[in-house]
Amino acid sequence: MALITLRRNLCHLSDFRIHGALAALKNPRVNHVHKIVQEHLCLWFCSLQPGPARVRFHHAHCKKFHSESGNDLHPVGEPVFSQVHDWDRFEQTVKNVDEQMCCRRLNNLGSSGEVLRFISTLPALPETVAAGALHRICEVEKKDGAHRLPKEILENSVFQGLCDQVGRDPSNLSNAGLVTALQALTPLQADPQSSLLLNLLAECQHRLEGGRLDIHSLCILGESVIKLQGPGCSTLELILCQLQGENVEKFPPEDILALYRILQACPEKVDQHQTFLNKINNFSLSLVPKLNPKSMSQMLTALVVLDQTQALPLVIKLGKYAVRHIPHFTNEELGRVLGAFIHFGHNDRFFIEALEQHVTSLRLTLDPEVVSKVMEYCSRKLILSKPILNAVAEMFVCQSEKFSPRQISELLEPFGKLNYLPPNASALFRKLENILFTRFNFFPPKALLKLLHSCSLIECHPVNFMAKLFSPYFLQQLQGEESSLDRLSLAQLTQLFLTAVLECPFYKGPKLLPKYQVKSFLTPCSSLETPTDFQLYRSVMLGLIDLLGARLYFASKVLTPYCYTIDVEIKLDEDGFVLPFTADEDVHRRVALCINGPRRFCLSSKHLLGKEAIKQRHLHLLGYQVVQIPYYEIEMLKSRLELVEYLQRKLFSQNPGSHWYQE
């Protein structure tokens, strides 16, 4: 009786608010009154519909009503309650929450079988969940390395039901469901001309031309179209045109990353879209703190492919935040990050420290390709990181079988370039020698030459292999299909031969023929010497003029008969007097000044590079008195007078009998 009275009163109270009842239904204190009121409210709504109506239940807490005749559910002859829309909005919210929960559950499933079993347990299958299930199935299969879906999946009745649901009438799908289904089926579908794909693509094209796709859907469609039709298709141009008309600052991070991937697929059009790219790059600065390791790797990779050198502030910020992600990068992601920093010339002290900790803690478990990329980064940026080099040396001695010949070359070449011998150097090069004895012919010729030349820089001379290097057979392999050997290979061969003559007099093998020998190690793009720092050279030259009295008493950039170029050469006679640089007779001693700027040292250190160390070593063996003038000593001098006194100490402190000029 009380419930009947309640219903009658609800029908006639003008100030009754449906949302108040809904709030009561949402109250967490659920009891039997809640249940009874909910059931009778539902019956009341149904009774307002003239004619028979069928109710379909979607879930326990909310009922979705469908009229078979398609009429609205409201009493005949009475105005529709505006509050009914509140009920619809509430119901839609609950539906969206349920769909989101299903999608989250799908993302946690690790196999196609688990996805299909989960789908088969659902009483109803919303389109977004169906599309999400397809996407997860294809994502799982792609992770396993498959290029198409297995036969047992394609023939599974649940999977076929999913395809039927999304492909039967794509016009009924929402934008999200449509593009997600297309995205899911694109990578692993056997036939890109299948009716399912064609139907989905046609509907996407229709909505695209009508401007009915939102930003997120455009981004998903863009990536799918690239895989189906290629980056040169007109559809992609239309997608990019519509995206450029949107406000980039409203794009969520996942859509920004999708944009980078889309543009990365067509780098030849970068000039055409550079203005749009500049907006994306500038806005991405604010997104960097929110990026996870995978997203950061993808963004850096896209910047490299698109060669966005003007986006250095973004690269620097990515480098700053990459520090915290180093332990969480996958091997592939870390390799891409390092490759990007190499490309843009970026280095950061904190990044290097974090990289050192990562490599030293995982030195015996790191992927060989990642180790090679780490060493390439140190080599290209001239980073003398003793923890990394020591860890790699230990790893190579213990696990040399893990590395391919190419990787071995990439691993060990930086030791010579950076002029560093690890504590286990004897074990390291003994291991290398054993490998070369058994696998010499498996090494790529140029990689092998670089490796052995690098060893000679740190006085680990490959005497047992020089005969093979200078043999016509190896030189022919080194040349390959080219008409002649490249300039760098010739320079390395020449320096190795000079090393054999000067430092390995016991070597009696074949010599390098003159036609393979270069005249100078200082050449553009293939130099085995570092050019002089102009500002530093100018300062030293002015000091020498003040010290020696005239420009006549020293020569600059002197090319010796032994291929090396001396920054400054001073000639002394037997009594220690300085001779004019034009003098060829009575020259008793030659002084070679090495004016070493920052580029001749490892990064932020006072440690000479390997190519400068071997140069000074060879000049000394050739009879020169080698005097180093490092930049960090010149920078401490405060006046011209101090510079002159400094040069006097450097030049003549070892030769007390020397004089500036003849009296």
Foldseek 3Di string as FASTA:
>chain_A
DVVVVVLVCCVPDPPDAPVVLVVVLPPPPDDPVSVVVVVVVVVSQLVQDPDDFDWDQQDDSATDGDGPVRDDRHHPPDDDDPNVVVNVVVVVVVVVVVLVVLLVVLVPDQALVVLLVVVVPHPDADLLSLLSSLQSHLVNVVVVVAQADDPVQVPDPSNVVSLCVCQVQVVPDDLNSLLSNLLSCQRHPPDCPDSSNVSSVVVVLVCLVVVNHDLVSLLSNLVSCCSNPNLVDVSNVSSVVVNLVDDLLPDDLVSLLSVLVSCLRCLVCCVVCVVVVVNSLVSCQVVLVVDALVSLLSNLLSCLSNVPLVSVVSLVSSLVVCLVCVVPHDLVSLLSNLVSCLSNVDDDPSSVVSVLVNCLVCLQPHQLVSLLSVLVSCQSQLPPDLSSLQSLLVNCLVPVVRDFLLSVLSNQLSCLQQLHAHPPNVSSVVVVVVCCVVCVVRHQLVSVLSSQLSCVLNPNHPLVCLLVCQDPVSLCSQCDPPPHHDPLSLDSNLVSQLCCVQPVVVRDHDGRDPVSHDQAQDDPPRHLDDDADVVLLVLLQVLLCVQLVHNQFKDAQDRDSSRYTFGIKWFAAPQQETDGPVDDPRGDAIEGEDEAEPVQHRPPDPRGTSSVSVVVVSCVSVGHHYFYNYPVVVVVDDDSVSSNVVVCCRPPVVPVRHDSHDD
